[in-house]
Amino acid sequence: MSDSDVGIYVHVPFCERICPYCDFAVVAARALEERVEAQYVDALLRELAGRRGAFADRRLASLYLGGGTPSLLRPESIGRIVRAGRDAFPGSGEITLEINPSSVERARLPGFREAGVNRVSVGVQSFDDETLHRLGRAHRAKDARLTLSACREAGFEAISIDLIVAAPRQTQAGVERDLGAAIEFGPDHVSVYELTVEAGTPFALAEARGQLRRAGEEEAIRMHARVESRLARAGYTRYEISNYARPGREAVHNRRYWERRPVLGIGVSAVSNDPATLQHPFGVRRSNPRDASAWLACVAGGRAAEVEILSAAAARAEAIFLALRTVRGLEAAPFAREFGAPPRAFFAQSIDRLLAAALLSESRHGNLRLTPRGRLLADSVSEHFV
């Protein structure tokens, strides 16, 4: 990771089914028409061409296709995007494609590999059919197993599995079974996310009506502890709150966000972290519209819907709570070089409160790390710095 490279995030909003807990910018598309697909990809490439100048003279560290379900795109379309990214920024880099377990997407895996994808992130979520049904997922456990096997056969350099814990009616034993099934496949990387209920989603409505039963805070904490212990025994190191990897297999693209590295986001709802300049020493964040028509209008006009020039205060807060998401934590010396003083100069009261609550640890050099319990309550900790 260096200051002379760039990551590209590509948002593809199309989904065969919109999950009841999903709050991402997605569009239901059971069968993605080639015309619609081509129009979207054309617009992505126009946006990339118009925005590449802000990231000039950088090498490609990563390209991440997320969504939505980007694997609904044909391999030819994925190839166009990958080639355009490499043409804009020399270098091979980590090329990740999110995929869902389905027969259509399995058939395309060799084509995705030929298109330049070298890493796949498989949205398994659970290996239990009842849990998948309660989550509103379109696939079943058999589909997940077949897809993971097909990923190995296709020859991808790295495979990541996504799991959800604290799903409706999920038990500790169910979490253990999911972990065992994931480990059986020997993925390079495992992401484990706690189910969150976002306002405006069907799950939020069900919860308000008392129709959604999910784990309470203490039970969720026990689930996370079980996850960390089980994966550690299998050789996976936790390097961020939700992410585990075999040594040397950490996600290059994801690390860019926690380390506040430049990211060029293209597509509906995509967010860019533009590099710092003399005029804007803490960088600029550009956010695209969530609505496809509004995004297309922005691409045509060469503009973003929202531009935020980061202040020193905002950058300081982000530097702390993003670094605290990582097991490594926040190092005081680099923070002081960027902001003129160590963290205590700005956040002494918050740091002392969190130390007293045993949610944070502080070294004699002023480095900060979350304690094991602090990691389980990371969202609450971050509120002290914003």
Foldseek 3Di string as FASTA:
>chain_A
DDQQAEEEEEEDAEACDDWLQDPALHDHDVQDDPVNLVVQLVLLLLLCVLPLVLNPRGAYAEYEYYYRAVLSDALVSLLVVQVSVCVSHPDLHAYEHEHEQDPVSLVRLLSVVVSRHQEYEYEQQALQQVLCVQRVHPDHNVSVVVSLVSNVVSPRNFYEYEHEAQGFPQALVRLVVRLVVVVVSPGFKYFYYYRDHDPPGNVVVCVVVVNTHTDDLVRVLVSLVVNQVSVVVSQWDAFFLGMTGHPPSDDSVVVCQLQVHFYHYGDAQTKTFGAADPVQNLTKIFTAHSDRVRRSVCSVVSHGPDMDRDDLLNSLLSNQLSQQRTQQHAQQVVSCVSNVGGPCVPQVPLVVVCVVVQQWDADPRGTIYGDSVVSSVSVVSSVSRD
